[in-house]
Amino acid sequence: MAMFKNYGTHYEFMIQSRSSIIVVFGKTSRGYFACMPDFDAGCHLANSNDLFWNTERLISALGVVDGVTVASALMHLYKELSYPEF
């Protein structure tokens, strides 16, 4: 990941991959979300460490390769950078 920003109410990061994906994610009153504005895509997510559910939702929004890429990046943030919940 080349860029990560904490805005207090939500987060933003960029994944340098085959598609260079900007992801905005956070929490609403109805749960967690991820939006990929350049792809006109977004979806609700489970908590930050539920790789299976998040992968399924993101694949539905982005397609297989980009969905798996974003889900893996979110899991990396959870595990490696100690972000407990979005």
Protein backbone atom coordinates (compact mmCIF):
# COMPACT_ATOMS: atom_id res chain seq x y z
CA MET A 1 0.00 0.00 0.00
CA ALA A 2 1.40 3.33 -1.00
CA MET A 3 -0.90 5.62 0.99
CA PHE A 4 -3.01 5.36 4.16
CA LYS A 5 -4.97 8.21 5.75
CA ASN A 6 -7.06 8.28 8.91
CA TYR A 7 -9.71 11.00 8.71
CA GLY A 8 -11.13 10.25 12.15
CA THR A 9 -14.52 9.15 10.81
CA HIS A 10 -13.25 6.99 7.96
CA TYR A 11 -10.03 5.74 6.37
CA GLU A 12 -8.58 5.90 2.88
CA PHE A 13 -5.82 3.90 1.27
CA MET A 14 -4.48 3.16 -2.18
CA ILE A 15 -3.43 -0.26 -3.39
CA GLN A 16 -0.81 -0.29 -6.12
CA SER A 17 -1.90 -3.32 -8.13
CA ARG A 18 -2.93 -4.01 -11.69
CA SER A 19 -5.73 -1.48 -11.15
CA SER A 20 -4.42 1.05 -8.56
CA ILE A 21 -7.45 0.92 -6.28
CA ILE A 22 -8.40 3.74 -3.89
CA VAL A 23 -10.47 2.35 -1.00
CA VAL A 24 -12.49 4.43 1.45
CA PHE A 25 -13.75 2.44 4.43
CA GLY A 26 -15.33 2.97 7.80
CA LYS A 27 -18.41 2.37 9.90
CA THR A 28 -21.99 3.63 9.72
CA SER A 29 -24.96 3.04 11.98
CA ARG A 30 -25.67 -0.09 9.88
CA GLY A 31 -22.17 -1.59 9.98
CA TYR A 32 -18.92 -1.37 8.07
CA PHE A 33 -18.48 -0.33 4.43
CA ALA A 34 -15.90 -0.05 1.68
CA CYS A 35 -16.19 2.18 -1.37
CA MET A 36 -13.98 2.22 -4.42
CA PRO A 37 -14.99 5.50 -6.10
CA ASP A 38 -12.96 5.03 -9.28
CA PHE A 39 -14.87 1.78 -9.90
CA ASP A 40 -18.30 3.20 -8.98
CA ALA A 41 -18.49 0.35 -6.46
CA GLY A 42 -19.15 -0.11 -2.78
CA CYS A 43 -20.54 -2.62 -0.33
CA HIS A 44 -21.18 -3.40 3.30
CA LEU A 45 -18.58 -5.47 5.13
CA ALA A 46 -18.41 -7.63 8.23
CA ASN A 47 -15.90 -6.67 10.90
CA SER A 48 -12.34 -6.10 9.81
CA ASN A 49 -11.07 -9.62 10.48
CA ASP A 50 -13.79 -11.59 8.62
CA LEU A 51 -11.85 -12.40 5.47
CA PHE A 52 -14.43 -14.81 4.03
CA TRP A 53 -17.46 -12.47 4.23
CA ASN A 54 -15.51 -9.39 3.13
CA THR A 55 -14.01 -11.25 0.17
CA GLU A 56 -17.43 -12.45 -0.98
CA ARG A 57 -18.93 -8.95 -0.76
CA LEU A 58 -15.98 -7.25 -2.46
CA ILE A 59 -15.91 -9.83 -5.28
CA SER A 60 -19.58 -9.02 -5.92
CA ALA A 61 -18.74 -5.32 -6.14
CA LEU A 62 -15.40 -5.43 -7.99
CA GLY A 63 -14.88 -8.83 -9.60
CA VAL A 64 -12.64 -11.64 -8.44
CA VAL A 65 -9.12 -10.23 -8.74
CA ASP A 66 -9.80 -6.75 -7.37
CA GLY A 67 -12.23 -8.04 -4.72
CA VAL A 68 -9.67 -10.48 -3.34
CA THR A 69 -7.00 -7.77 -3.49
CA VAL A 70 -9.04 -5.30 -1.42
CA ALA A 71 -10.17 -7.95 1.09
CA SER A 72 -6.56 -9.05 1.57
CA ALA A 73 -5.44 -5.45 2.09
CA LEU A 74 -8.12 -4.92 4.74
CA MET A 75 -6.99 -8.11 6.51
CA HIS A 76 -3.39 -6.88 6.34
CA LEU A 77 -4.43 -3.62 8.03
CA TYR A 78 -6.18 -5.60 10.74
CA LYS A 79 -3.28 -7.98 11.39
CA GLU A 80 -0.11 -6.03 10.70
CA LEU A 81 -0.96 -2.43 11.52
CA SER A 82 -3.02 -3.17 14.65
CA TYR A 83 -6.21 -1.49 13.49
CA PRO A 84 -8.64 -3.38 15.75
CA GLU A 85 -11.91 -2.53 14.03
CA PHE A 86 -12.38 -0.05 11.22
